[in-house]
PDB file of N, CA and C in Angstrom:
ATOM      1  N   MET A   1     229.322 125.374 152.726  1.00  0.00           N
ATOM      2  CA  MET A   1     228.463 124.822 151.308  1.00  0.00           C
ATOM      3  C   MET A   1     228.905 123.322 150.843  1.00  0.00           C
ATOM      4  N   LYS A   2     228.465 122.758 150.506  1.00  0.00           N
ATOM      5  CA  LYS A   2     228.656 121.559 149.731  1.00  0.00           C
ATOM      6  C   LYS A   2     229.433 121.316 148.647  1.00  0.00           C
ATOM      7  N   LYS A   3     230.692 120.779 148.222  1.00  0.00           N
ATOM      8  CA  LYS A   3     230.976 120.584 147.141  1.00  0.00           C
ATOM      9  C   LYS A   3     230.563 119.766 146.429  1.00  0.00           C
ATOM     10  N   GLU A   4     230.403 120.079 145.176  1.00  0.00           N
ATOM     11  CA  GLU A   4     229.660 118.826 143.937  1.00  0.00           C
ATOM     12  C   GLU A   4     229.819 117.609 144.038  1.00  0.00           C
ATOM     13  N   ILE A   5     231.129 117.041 144.611  1.00  0.00           N
ATOM     14  CA  ILE A   5     231.206 115.561 144.971  1.00  0.00           C
ATOM     15  C   ILE A   5     230.561 115.164 145.575  1.00  0.00           C
ATOM     16  N   GLN A   6     230.261 115.926 146.931  1.00  0.00           N
ATOM     17  CA  GLN A   6     229.195 115.720 147.592  1.00  0.00           C
ATOM     18  C   GLN A   6     228.276 115.532 147.659  1.00  0.00           C
ATOM     19  N   ILE A   7     227.465 116.563 146.805  1.00  0.00           N
ATOM     20  CA  ILE A   7     226.347 116.237 146.498  1.00  0.00           C
ATOM     21  C   ILE A   7     226.391 115.088 145.240  1.00  0.00           C
ATOM     22  N   ALA A   8     226.900 114.500 144.722  1.00  0.00           N
ATOM     23  CA  ALA A   8     227.253 113.835 143.924  1.00  0.00           C
ATOM     24  C   ALA A   8     227.222 112.423 144.552  1.00  0.00           C
ATOM     25  N   GLU A   9     227.765 112.032 145.335  1.00  0.00           N
ATOM     26  CA  GLU A   9     227.719 111.031 146.601  1.00  0.00           C
ATOM     27  C   GLU A   9     226.555 110.627 147.423  1.00  0.00           C
ATOM     28  N   GLU A  10     225.332 111.597 147.680  1.00  0.00           N
ATOM     29  CA  GLU A  10     224.455 111.488 148.095  1.00  0.00           C
ATOM     30  C   GLU A  10     223.176 111.130 147.205  1.00  0.00           C
ATOM     31  N   ASN A  11     223.435 112.031 146.015  1.00  0.00           N
ATOM     32  CA  ASN A  11     222.409 111.191 144.819  1.00  0.00           C
ATOM     33  C   ASN A  11     223.188 109.790 144.507  1.00  0.00           C
ATOM     34  N   ILE A  12     224.108 109.745 144.189  1.00  0.00           N
ATOM     35  CA  ILE A  12     224.018 108.360 143.980  1.00  0.00           C
ATOM     36  C   ILE A  12     224.133 107.000 144.540  1.00  0.00           C
ATOM     37  N   LYS A  13     224.331 107.465 146.193  1.00  0.00           N
ATOM     38  CA  LYS A  13     223.956 106.620 147.056  1.00  0.00           C
ATOM     39  C   LYS A  13     222.268 106.640 147.505  1.00  0.00           C
ATOM     40  N   SER A  14     221.204 107.943 147.410  1.00  0.00           N
ATOM     41  CA  SER A  14     219.864 107.016 147.006  1.00  0.00           C
ATOM     42  C   SER A  14     219.427 106.511 145.864  1.00  0.00           C
ATOM     43  N   TRP A  15     220.000 106.583 144.761  1.00  0.00           N
ATOM     44  CA  TRP A  15     219.778 105.623 143.558  1.00  0.00           C
ATOM     45  C   TRP A  15     220.140 104.580 144.038  1.00  0.00           C
ATOM     46  N   LYS A  16     221.312 104.041 144.376  1.00  0.00           N
ATOM     47  CA  LYS A  16     221.714 102.837 144.599  1.00  0.00           C
ATOM     48  C   LYS A  16     220.714 102.172 145.927  1.00  0.00           C
ATOM     49  N   PHE A  17     220.604 103.129 146.532  1.00  0.00           N
ATOM     50  CA  PHE A  17     219.595 102.538 148.003  1.00  0.00           C
ATOM     51  C   PHE A  17     217.856 101.803 146.890  1.00  0.00           C
ATOM     52  N   THR A  18     217.932 102.903 145.959  1.00  0.00           N
ATOM     53  CA  THR A  18     216.118 102.677 146.172  1.00  0.00           C
ATOM     54  C   THR A  18     216.066 101.069 144.964  1.00  0.00           C
ATOM     55  N   LYS A  19     215.900  99.803 144.909  1.00  0.00           N
ATOM     56  CA  LYS A  19     215.518  98.822 143.891  1.00  0.00           C
ATOM     57  C   LYS A  19     214.239  98.837 143.387  1.00  0.00           C
ATOM     58  N   PRO A  20     214.637  98.170 142.048  1.00  0.00           N
ATOM     59  CA  PRO A  20     213.021  98.187 141.292  1.00  0.00           C
ATOM     60  C   PRO A  20     212.636  97.176 141.643  1.00  0.00           C
ATOM     61  N   GLN A  21     212.814  95.680 142.683  1.00  0.00           N
ATOM     62  CA  GLN A  21     211.923  95.121 143.104  1.00  0.00           C
ATOM     63  C   GLN A  21     211.260  95.798 144.304  1.00  0.00           C
ATOM     64  N   ASP A  22     211.891  96.735 145.066  1.00  0.00           N
ATOM     65  CA  ASP A  22     210.866  96.955 145.593  1.00  0.00           C
ATOM     66  C   ASP A  22     209.723  97.838 144.742  1.00  0.00           C
ATOM     67  N   LYS A  23     209.539  97.373 144.150  1.00  0.00           N
ATOM     68  CA  LYS A  23     208.180  98.254 143.240  1.00  0.00           C
ATOM     69  C   LYS A  23     208.179 100.013 143.292  1.00  0.00           C
ATOM     70  N   GLU A  24     209.298 100.398 143.475  1.00  0.00           N
ATOM     71  CA  GLU A  24     208.938 101.906 143.761  1.00  0.00           C
ATOM     72  C   GLU A  24     210.047 103.081 142.583  1.00  0.00           C
ATOM     73  N   LEU A  25     209.467 102.134 141.169  1.00  0.00           N
ATOM     74  CA  LEU A  25     210.459 102.437 140.145  1.00  0.00           C
ATOM     75  C   LEU A  25     210.345 103.836 139.737  1.00  0.00           C
ATOM     76  N   TRP A  26     208.850 104.674 140.340  1.00  0.00           N
ATOM     77  CA  TRP A  26     209.244 105.669 140.264  1.00  0.00           C
ATOM     78  C   TRP A  26     210.203 106.752 141.123  1.00  0.00           C
ATOM     79  N   ARG A  27     210.399 105.933 142.276  1.00  0.00           N
ATOM     80  CA  ARG A  27     211.467 106.594 143.166  1.00  0.00           C
ATOM     81  C   ARG A  27     212.782 106.791 142.323  1.00  0.00           C
ATOM     82  N   LEU A  28     213.047 105.426 142.048  1.00  0.00           N
ATOM     83  CA  LEU A  28     214.369 104.848 140.871  1.00  0.00           C
ATOM     84  C   LEU A  28     214.663 106.126 139.968  1.00  0.00           C
ATOM     85  N   ASN A  29     213.496 106.647 139.232  1.00  0.00           N
ATOM     86  CA  ASN A  29     213.558 106.993 138.186  1.00  0.00           C
ATOM     87  C   ASN A  29     213.945 108.632 138.435  1.00  0.00           C
ATOM     88  N   ILE A  30     213.429 109.036 139.790  1.00  0.00           N
ATOM     89  CA  ILE A  30     213.293 110.447 140.710  1.00  0.00           C
ATOM     90  C   ILE A  30     214.851 110.754 140.505  1.00  0.00           C
ATOM     91  N   TYR A  31     215.459 109.631 141.433  1.00  0.00           N
ATOM     92  CA  TYR A  31     216.831 109.781 141.805  1.00  0.00           C
ATOM     93  C   TYR A  31     217.607 109.520 140.266  1.00  0.00           C
ATOM     94  N   LEU A  32     217.556 108.883 139.677  1.00  0.00           N
ATOM     95  CA  LEU A  32     218.473 108.781 138.525  1.00  0.00           C
ATOM     96  C   LEU A  32     218.290 109.884 137.373  1.00  0.00           C
ATOM     97  N   SER A  33     217.085 110.523 137.392  1.00  0.00           N
ATOM     98  CA  SER A  33     216.911 111.988 136.864  1.00  0.00           C
ATOM     99  C   SER A  33     217.915 112.813 137.230  1.00  0.00           C
ATOM    100  N   LYS A  34     217.857 113.401 138.687  1.00  0.00           N
ATOM    101  CA  LYS A  34     218.450 114.274 139.670  1.00  0.00           C
ATOM    102  C   LYS A  34     220.014 113.424 139.474  1.00  0.00           C
ATOM    103  N   CYS A  35     220.705 112.389 139.253  1.00  0.00           N
ATOM    104  CA  CYS A  35     221.873 112.700 138.903  1.00  0.00           C
ATOM    105  C   CYS A  35     222.126 112.769 137.645  1.00  0.00           C
ATOM    106  N   GLN A  36     221.581 112.561 136.468  1.00  0.00           N
ATOM    107  CA  GLN A  36     221.801 112.982 135.211  1.00  0.00           C
ATOM    108  C   GLN A  36     221.688 114.212 135.458  1.00  0.00           C
ATOM    109  N   GLN A  37     220.702 115.075 135.811  1.00  0.00           N
ATOM    110  CA  GLN A  37     220.774 116.425 135.646  1.00  0.00           C
ATOM    111  C   GLN A  37     221.902 117.244 136.128  1.00  0.00           C
ATOM    112  N   HIS A  38     222.437 116.648 137.116  1.00  0.00           N
ATOM    113  CA  HIS A  38     223.465 116.931 137.814  1.00  0.00           C
ATOM    114  C   HIS A  38     224.843 116.906 137.127  1.00  0.00           C
ATOM    115  N   LYS A  39     224.721 115.867 136.460  1.00  0.00           N
ATOM    116  CA  LYS A  39     225.930 115.536 135.765  1.00  0.00           C
ATOM    117  C   LYS A  39     226.062 116.542 134.571  1.00  0.00           C
ATOM    118  N   ALA A  40     224.794 116.421 133.890  1.00  0.00           N
ATOM    119  CA  ALA A  40     224.940 117.413 132.184  1.00  0.00           C
ATOM    120  C   ALA A  40     225.152 119.167 133.108  1.00  0.00           C
ATOM    121  N   SER A  41     224.659 119.501 134.342  1.00  0.00           N
ATOM    122  CA  SER A  41     224.659 120.976 134.829  1.00  0.00           C
ATOM    123  C   SER A  41     226.535 120.842 135.285  1.00  0.00           C
ATOM    124  N   CYS A  42     226.723 120.030 135.579  1.00  0.00           N
ATOM    125  CA  CYS A  42     228.728 119.771 135.493  1.00  0.00           C
ATOM    126  C   CYS A  42     229.498 119.978 134.712  1.00  0.00           C
ATOM    127  N   GLU A  43     228.710 119.245 133.929  1.00  0.00           N
ATOM    128  CA  GLU A  43     229.362 118.853 132.220  1.00  0.00           C
ATOM    129  C   GLU A  43     229.390 120.466 131.409  1.00  0.00           C
ATOM    130  N   ARG A  44     228.306 121.105 131.556  1.00  0.00           N
ATOM    131  CA  ARG A  44     227.943 122.222 131.086  1.00  0.00           C
ATOM    132  C   ARG A  44     228.970 123.233 131.577  1.00  0.00           C
ATOM    133  N   ASP A  45     229.178 123.480 133.184  1.00  0.00           N
ATOM    134  CA  ASP A  45     230.278 124.184 134.028  1.00  0.00           C
ATOM    135  C   ASP A  45     231.410 124.846 133.708  1.00  0.00           C
ATOM    136  N   VAL A  46     232.032 122.858 133.253  1.00  0.00           N
ATOM    137  CA  VAL A  46     232.967 123.260 133.096  1.00  0.00           C
ATOM    138  C   VAL A  46     233.996 124.289 132.265  1.00  0.00           C
ATOM    139  N   PRO A  47     233.743 123.855 130.904  1.00  0.00           N
ATOM    140  CA  PRO A  47     234.040 124.528 129.687  1.00  0.00           C
ATOM    141  C   PRO A  47     233.657 126.447 130.191  1.00  0.00           C
ATOM    142  N   LYS A  48     232.698 126.517 130.802  1.00  0.00           N
ATOM    143  CA  LYS A  48     232.871 127.210 131.228  1.00  0.00           C
ATOM    144  C   LYS A  48     234.065 128.536 132.261  1.00  0.00           C
ATOM    145  N   LEU A  49     234.066 127.469 133.124  1.00  0.00           N
ATOM    146  CA  LEU A  49     234.998 128.023 134.095  1.00  0.00           C
ATOM    147  C   LEU A  49     236.511 127.379 133.540  1.00  0.00           C
ATOM    148  N   GLU A  50     236.804 127.249 132.422  1.00  0.00           N
ATOM    149  CA  GLU A  50     238.085 127.151 131.571  1.00  0.00           C
ATOM    150  C   GLU A  50     238.016 128.419 130.798  1.00  0.00           C
ATOM    151  N   LYS A  51     237.155 128.491 130.151  1.00  0.00           N
ATOM    152  CA  LYS A  51     236.808 130.114 129.550  1.00  0.00           C
ATOM    153  C   LYS A  51     237.511 131.240 130.747  1.00  0.00           C
ATOM    154  N   ILE A  52     236.730 131.122 132.139  1.00  0.00           N
ATOM    155  CA  ILE A  52     236.961 131.801 132.917  1.00  0.00           C
ATOM    156  C   ILE A  52     238.804 131.537 133.042  1.00  0.00           C
ATOM    157  N   LYS A  53     239.027 130.769 133.479  1.00  0.00           N
ATOM    158  CA  LYS A  53     240.808 130.639 133.071  1.00  0.00           C
ATOM    159  C   LYS A  53     241.570 131.650 132.734  1.00  0.00           C
ATOM    160  N   GLU A  54     241.198 131.769 131.038  1.00  0.00           N
ATOM    161  CA  GLU A  54     241.604 132.128 130.236  1.00  0.00           C
ATOM    162  C   GLU A  54     241.465 133.965 129.979  1.00  0.00           C
ATOM    163  N   SER A  55     240.816 134.405 131.179  1.00  0.00           N
ATOM    164  CA  SER A  55     240.208 135.827 131.252  1.00  0.00           C
ATOM    165  C   SER A  55     241.789 136.696 131.902  1.00  0.00           C
ATOM    166  N   ILE A  56     240.947 137.652 131.849  1.00  0.00           N
ATOM    167  CA  ILE A  56     241.969 139.302 132.318  1.00  0.00           C
ATOM    168  C   ILE A  56     241.434 138.899 133.928  1.00  0.00           C
ATOM    169  N   VAL A  57     240.687 138.725 134.176  1.00  0.00           N
ATOM    170  CA  VAL A  57     240.257 138.541 135.637  1.00  0.00           C
ATOM    171  C   VAL A  57     241.468 137.445 136.611  1.00  0.00           C
ATOM    172  N   TYR A  58     241.381 135.866 135.637  1.00  0.00           N
ATOM    173  CA  TYR A  58     241.619 134.877 136.411  1.00  0.00           C
ATOM    174  C   TYR A  58     243.133 135.520 136.508  1.00  0.00           C
ATOM    175  N   ILE A  59     243.871 136.018 135.478  1.00  0.00           N
ATOM    176  CA  ILE A  59     244.933 136.485 135.182  1.00  0.00           C
ATOM    177  C   ILE A  59     246.052 136.974 136.300  1.00  0.00           C
ATOM    178  N   GLU A  60     245.258 138.380 136.651  1.00  0.00           N
ATOM    179  CA  GLU A  60     245.396 139.283 137.481  1.00  0.00           C
ATOM    180  C   GLU A  60     245.166 138.615 139.190  1.00  0.00           C
ATOM    181  N   ASN A  61     244.175 138.108 139.535  1.00  0.00           N
ATOM    182  CA  ASN A  61     243.659 137.453 140.924  1.00  0.00           C
ATOM    183  C   ASN A  61     244.561 135.625 141.387  1.00  0.00           C
ATOM    184  N   GLU A  62     245.366 135.931 142.117  1.00  0.00           N
ATOM    185  CA  GLU A  62     245.889 134.691 142.738  1.00  0.00           C
ATOM    186  C   GLU A  62     244.655 133.963 143.905  1.00  0.00           C
ATOM    187  N   LEU A  63     244.206 134.780 144.397  1.00  0.00           N
ATOM    188  CA  LEU A  63     242.772 134.090 145.054  1.00  0.00           C
ATOM    189  C   LEU A  63     242.105 133.124 143.836  1.00  0.00           C
ATOM    190  N   CYS A  64     241.662 133.958 142.649  1.00  0.00           N
ATOM    191  CA  CYS A  64     240.516 133.313 141.538  1.00  0.00           C
ATOM    192  C   CYS A  64     242.161 132.245 141.215  1.00  0.00           C
ATOM    193  N   HIS A  65     242.820 132.146 140.937  1.00  0.00           N
ATOM    194  CA  HIS A  65     243.684 130.884 140.188  1.00  0.00           C
ATOM    195  C   HIS A  65     242.902 129.423 141.661  1.00  0.00           C
ATOM    196  N   HIS A  66     243.181 129.927 142.795  1.00  0.00           N
ATOM    197  CA  HIS A  66     243.077 128.864 143.204  1.00  0.00           C
ATOM    198  C   HIS A  66     241.898 128.138 143.358  1.00  0.00           C
ATOM    199  N   LEU A  67     240.545 129.262 143.734  1.00  0.00           N
ATOM    200  CA  LEU A  67     239.120 129.113 143.560  1.00  0.00           C
ATOM    201  C   LEU A  67     238.784 128.297 142.337  1.00  0.00           C
ATOM    202  N   ILE A  68     239.083 129.058 141.381  1.00  0.00           N
ATOM    203  CA  ILE A  68     238.793 128.389 139.733  1.00  0.00           C
ATOM    204  C   ILE A  68     239.090 126.882 139.568  1.00  0.00           C
ATOM    205  N   ASP A  69     240.508 126.352 140.091  1.00  0.00           N
ATOM    206  CA  ASP A  69     241.217 125.661 139.678  1.00  0.00           C
ATOM    207  C   ASP A  69     240.686 124.462 140.119  1.00  0.00           C
ATOM    208  N   GLU A  70     240.176 124.577 141.972  1.00  0.00           N
ATOM    209  CA  GLU A  70     239.363 124.026 142.372  1.00  0.00           C
ATOM    210  C   GLU A  70     238.312 123.334 142.394  1.00  0.00           C
ATOM    211  N   MET A  71     237.406 124.483 141.662  1.00  0.00           N
ATOM    212  CA  MET A  71     235.902 124.441 141.323  1.00  0.00           C
ATOM    213  C   MET A  71     236.360 122.926 139.909  1.00  0.00           C
ATOM    214  N   ILE A  72     236.974 123.665 138.985  1.00  0.00           N
ATOM    215  CA  ILE A  72     237.308 123.030 137.527  1.00  0.00           C
ATOM    216  C   ILE A  72     237.148 120.734 138.274  1.00  0.00           C
ATOM    217  N   GLU A  73     238.908 120.937 139.752  1.00  0.00           N
ATOM    218  CA  GLU A  73     238.839 119.903 139.490  1.00  0.00           C
ATOM    219  C   GLU A  73     237.567 119.411 139.999  1.00  0.00           C
ATOM    220  N   ASP A  74     236.806 119.940 140.990  1.00  0.00           N
ATOM    221  CA  ASP A  74     235.375 119.009 141.979  1.00  0.00           C
ATOM    222  C   ASP A  74     234.796 118.848 140.898  1.00  0.00           C
ATOM    223  N   LYS A  75     234.177 119.814 139.861  1.00  0.00           N
ATOM    224  CA  LYS A  75     233.309 119.053 139.237  1.00  0.00           C
ATOM    225  C   LYS A  75     233.880 117.855 137.902  1.00  0.00           C
ATOM    226  N   LYS A  76     235.016 117.835 137.391  1.00  0.00           N
ATOM    227  CA  LYS A  76     235.576 116.937 136.545  1.00  0.00           C
ATOM    228  C   LYS A  76     235.269 115.663 137.775  1.00  0.00           C
ATOM    229  N   GLN A  77     235.867 115.458 138.611  1.00  0.00           N
ATOM    230  CA  GLN A  77     235.669 114.595 139.772  1.00  0.00           C
ATOM    231  C   GLN A  77     234.593 114.018 140.221  1.00  0.00           C
ATOM    232  N   THR A  78     233.292 114.795 140.193  1.00  0.00           N
ATOM    233  CA  THR A  78     231.682 114.709 139.998  1.00  0.00           C
ATOM    234  C   THR A  78     231.700 113.910 138.902  1.00  0.00           C
ATOM    235  N   ILE A  79     231.683 114.446 137.686  1.00  0.00           N
ATOM    236  CA  ILE A  79     231.682 113.959 136.257  1.00  0.00           C
ATOM    237  C   ILE A  79     232.130 112.118 136.378  1.00  0.00           C
ATOM    238  N   LYS A  80     233.476 111.981 136.510  1.00  0.00           N
ATOM    239  CA  LYS A  80     234.129 110.954 136.829  1.00  0.00           C
ATOM    240  C   LYS A  80     233.151 109.454 137.395  1.00  0.00           C
ATOM    241  N   LEU A  81     233.038 110.419 139.232  1.00  0.00           N
ATOM    242  CA  LEU A  81     232.003 109.417 139.847  1.00  0.00           C
ATOM    243  C   LEU A  81     230.823 108.642 139.331  1.00  0.00           C
ATOM    244  N   TYR A  82     230.438 110.185 138.709  1.00  0.00           N
ATOM    245  CA  TYR A  82     229.002 109.623 137.558  1.00  0.00           C
ATOM    246  C   TYR A  82     228.857 108.586 136.905  1.00  0.00           C
ATOM    247  N   ASN A  83     230.139 108.776 135.703  1.00  0.00           N
ATOM    248  CA  ASN A  83     230.343 107.896 134.975  1.00  0.00           C
ATOM    249  C   ASN A  83     230.392 106.660 135.457  1.00  0.00           C
ATOM    250  N   GLU A  84     231.451 106.378 136.596  1.00  0.00           N
ATOM    251  CA  GLU A  84     232.263 104.750 137.497  1.00  0.00           C
ATOM    252  C   GLU A  84     230.851 104.480 137.992  1.00  0.00           C
ATOM    253  N   ALA A  85     229.409 104.918 137.824  1.00  0.00           N
ATOM    254  CA  ALA A  85     227.953 104.742 138.720  1.00  0.00           C
ATOM    255  C   ALA A  85     227.385 104.331 137.884  1.00  0.00           C
ATOM    256  N   GLY A  86     227.643 104.138 136.687  1.00  0.00           N
ATOM    257  CA  GLY A  86     227.257 103.858 135.597  1.00  0.00           C
ATOM    258  C   GLY A  86     226.394 104.801 135.216  1.00  0.00           C
ATOM    259  N   ILE A  87     225.998 106.274 135.303  1.00  0.00           N
ATOM    260  CA  ILE A  87     225.005 107.089 135.123  1.00  0.00           C
ATOM    261  C   ILE A  87     225.449 108.405 133.765  1.00  0.00           C
TER     262      ILE A  87
END
């Protein structure tokens, strides 16, 4: 399964590959929209995952600690990558 950061890298690569002068603005808009939607999804997920960290299930399960922390970090890095790309 792909990590969020890998999906973001692919989206940004596709977005940057399509140039406005290629007269394919529709394609550029599709890739930009895809990037924006993915970024928004990650931004929505971070607070949810942080709430899970505070729950009893998280506190009682060591494996859950690692997985949730990894997911939060992945989503934060994804958001940072989109911000750096200007999206």
